[in-house]
Amino acid sequence: MPPITKELTVGQVSQRSGVAVSALHFYERQGLIHSRRTAGNQRRYRRDTLRRVSFIRVSQRVGIPLARIRQALDRLPDNRTPTRADWALVSEQWRDELDARIAQLVRLRDDLTGCIGCGCLSLDSCVLVNPDDELAADGSGPRRLLIADDPEDHPDPDRADTS
């Protein structure tokens, strides 16, 4: 087994994290992770970059926009590996948002269970029915399925996240 080094190459970070090299380069351009350059202009990452990449991937999977992920990572120390307390601060800041996302997912699951394959045979009880587009004044999207009205919490899925 090779000795553990303090820094990793981009290929090693990619292999260890399961994230493509191109994605790591993108994360770096977005300010989510950082590297230093060797005399030969090769990237070198600190070992704690693996935790940050894992955090980014998991956060993305639950729908957290990259701008919010960057804000959270900006709160972590750059001069040392984050501690449990550092990560707890990030977690606490997202607790309400994650609870709201969980509630929305549960509501979506429960409300759509009857919709799968129903063909809207019961328009009186359908959660998606919107006669005469009465909900248009409340904003765009599936208004009855959204819990929060903050557009930041419900980005347009047709728009790429450019943050």
Protein backbone atom coordinates (compact mmCIF):
# COMPACT_ATOMS: atom_id res chain seq x y z
CA MET A 1 0.00 0.00 0.00
CA PRO A 2 1.45 3.40 -0.97
CA PRO A 3 2.27 5.85 1.81
CA ILE A 4 -0.35 8.48 2.64
CA THR A 5 0.65 11.89 1.36
CA LYS A 6 -0.55 15.25 2.61
CA GLU A 7 -1.71 16.31 -0.83
CA LEU A 8 -3.58 14.57 -3.61
CA THR A 9 -3.49 14.94 -7.37
CA VAL A 10 -6.68 15.72 -9.25
CA GLY A 11 -6.73 12.09 -10.44
CA GLN A 12 -6.47 10.81 -6.88
CA VAL A 13 -9.28 13.11 -5.70
CA SER A 14 -11.37 11.94 -8.64
CA GLN A 15 -10.71 8.27 -7.92
CA ARG A 16 -11.30 8.56 -4.17
CA SER A 17 -14.44 10.72 -4.45
CA GLY A 18 -16.00 9.12 -7.52
CA VAL A 19 -16.29 12.56 -9.11
CA ALA A 20 -15.01 13.19 -12.64
CA VAL A 21 -11.90 15.31 -13.08
CA SER A 22 -13.95 17.77 -15.16
CA ALA A 23 -16.39 18.18 -12.26
CA LEU A 24 -13.49 18.86 -9.88
CA HIS A 25 -12.20 21.53 -12.24
CA PHE A 26 -15.72 23.01 -12.36
CA TYR A 27 -15.98 22.99 -8.56
CA GLU A 28 -12.64 24.77 -8.41
CA ARG A 29 -13.74 27.42 -10.95
CA GLN A 30 -16.86 27.95 -8.83
CA GLY A 31 -14.76 28.49 -5.70
CA LEU A 32 -16.07 25.37 -3.97
CA ILE A 33 -12.68 23.69 -3.63
CA HIS A 34 -9.13 24.98 -3.90
CA SER A 35 -5.80 23.66 -5.07
CA ARG A 36 -2.28 24.87 -5.27
CA ARG A 37 -0.05 24.54 -8.30
CA THR A 38 3.27 22.75 -8.30
CA ALA A 39 6.33 24.08 -10.09
CA GLY A 40 5.17 21.94 -13.03
CA ASN A 41 1.73 23.65 -12.93
CA GLN A 42 -0.04 20.53 -11.66
CA ARG A 43 -2.92 20.81 -9.20
CA ARG A 44 -2.48 19.54 -5.65
CA TYR A 45 -5.37 19.28 -3.21
CA ARG A 46 -5.28 19.00 0.55
CA ARG A 47 -6.74 15.74 1.86
CA ASP A 48 -9.75 17.49 3.42
CA THR A 49 -10.87 18.31 -0.14
CA LEU A 50 -12.35 14.80 -0.18
CA ARG A 51 -14.78 15.79 2.61
CA ARG A 52 -15.68 18.99 0.80
CA VAL A 53 -16.35 17.15 -2.46
CA SER A 54 -18.53 14.63 -0.61
CA PHE A 55 -20.43 17.51 1.02
CA ILE A 56 -20.94 19.16 -2.38
CA ARG A 57 -22.25 15.97 -3.99
CA VAL A 58 -24.63 15.10 -1.16
CA SER A 59 -25.89 18.69 -1.00
CA GLN A 60 -26.52 18.71 -4.74
CA ARG A 61 -28.43 15.44 -4.51
CA VAL A 62 -30.92 16.97 -2.09
CA GLY A 63 -31.35 20.03 -4.32
CA ILE A 64 -29.18 22.63 -2.61
CA PRO A 65 -28.04 25.17 -5.23
CA LEU A 66 -24.31 25.60 -5.74
CA ALA A 67 -24.46 29.20 -4.51
CA ARG A 68 -25.76 28.00 -1.12
CA ILE A 69 -23.17 25.24 -1.02
CA ARG A 70 -20.42 27.79 -1.68
CA GLN A 71 -21.78 30.02 1.13
CA ALA A 72 -21.63 27.09 3.52
CA LEU A 73 -18.13 26.09 2.47
CA ASP A 74 -16.97 29.70 2.80
CA ARG A 75 -17.80 29.44 6.52
CA LEU A 76 -15.35 26.59 6.96
CA PRO A 77 -11.70 27.32 7.78
CA ASP A 78 -9.20 27.28 4.91
CA ASN A 79 -6.11 26.96 7.06
CA ARG A 80 -7.01 23.61 8.65
CA THR A 81 -9.21 20.57 8.31
CA PRO A 82 -12.74 21.44 9.51
CA THR A 83 -13.66 20.01 12.89
CA ARG A 84 -16.92 18.40 13.96
CA ALA A 85 -17.93 21.76 15.44
CA ASP A 86 -17.27 23.50 12.10
CA TRP A 87 -19.50 21.03 10.28
CA ALA A 88 -22.16 21.31 13.00
CA LEU A 89 -22.40 25.06 12.33
CA VAL A 90 -23.02 24.42 8.65
CA SER A 91 -25.56 21.72 9.50
CA GLU A 92 -27.43 24.00 11.91
CA GLN A 93 -27.73 26.74 9.30
CA TRP A 94 -29.39 24.32 6.88
CA ARG A 95 -31.59 22.48 9.39
CA ASP A 96 -34.78 24.50 8.75
CA GLU A 97 -34.29 24.42 5.00
CA LEU A 98 -33.71 20.68 4.99
CA ASP A 99 -36.74 20.10 7.24
CA ALA A 100 -38.84 22.13 4.77
CA ARG A 101 -37.49 20.07 1.86
CA ILE A 102 -38.30 16.86 3.70
CA ALA A 103 -41.84 18.07 4.41
CA GLN A 104 -42.25 19.03 0.76
CA LEU A 105 -41.03 15.62 -0.41
CA VAL A 106 -43.40 13.84 1.98
CA ARG A 107 -46.28 16.00 0.77
CA LEU A 108 -45.36 15.37 -2.86
CA ARG A 109 -45.18 11.63 -2.23
CA ASP A 110 -48.51 11.55 -0.42
CA ASP A 111 -50.33 13.87 -2.83
CA LEU A 112 -49.07 12.22 -6.00
CA THR A 113 -49.64 8.64 -4.91
CA GLY A 114 -53.22 8.87 -6.19
CA CYS A 115 -52.13 10.67 -9.36
CA ILE A 116 -49.86 7.98 -10.73
CA GLY A 117 -51.81 6.53 -13.62
CA CYS A 118 -55.14 7.94 -12.43
CA GLY A 119 -55.86 9.92 -15.57
CA CYS A 120 -57.41 12.58 -13.33
CA LEU A 121 -60.63 10.66 -12.86
CA SER A 122 -61.34 12.70 -9.74
CA LEU A 123 -60.81 16.37 -10.55
CA ASP A 124 -62.62 17.33 -7.35
CA SER A 125 -59.82 15.94 -5.20
CA CYS A 126 -56.80 16.30 -7.51
CA VAL A 127 -54.03 18.40 -5.92
CA LEU A 128 -52.88 19.61 -9.34
CA VAL A 129 -56.21 20.83 -10.70
CA ASN A 130 -56.30 24.61 -11.19
CA PRO A 131 -59.60 25.64 -12.77
CA ASP A 132 -59.47 28.89 -14.75
CA ASP A 133 -55.78 29.21 -13.76
CA GLU A 134 -56.84 30.79 -10.45
CA LEU A 135 -53.42 30.21 -8.90
CA ALA A 136 -51.54 32.24 -11.57
CA ALA A 137 -51.60 35.28 -9.29
CA ASP A 138 -49.60 33.33 -6.70
CA GLY A 139 -46.69 32.77 -9.08
CA SER A 140 -45.42 30.18 -11.50
CA GLY A 141 -45.06 26.46 -10.98
CA PRO A 142 -47.17 23.88 -9.18
CA ARG A 143 -48.39 26.26 -6.46
CA ARG A 144 -50.30 23.63 -4.48
CA LEU A 145 -47.27 21.39 -4.27
CA LEU A 146 -44.87 24.10 -3.15
CA ILE A 147 -44.51 24.69 0.58
CA ALA A 148 -42.42 27.86 0.57
CA ASP A 149 -43.11 30.81 -1.72
CA ASP A 150 -39.48 31.93 -1.84
CA PRO A 151 -38.24 31.58 -5.47
CA GLU A 152 -34.74 30.87 -4.08
CA ASP A 153 -36.11 27.66 -2.55
CA HIS A 154 -37.70 26.58 -5.82
CA PRO A 155 -35.37 27.39 -8.71
CA ASP A 156 -36.67 27.01 -12.24
CA PRO A 157 -35.66 23.46 -13.23
CA ASP A 158 -35.47 24.53 -16.89
CA ARG A 159 -32.68 26.99 -16.07
CA ALA A 160 -29.15 25.77 -15.46
CA ASP A 161 -27.66 26.63 -12.08
CA THR A 162 -25.08 29.23 -13.04
CA SER A 163 -24.14 30.15 -9.49
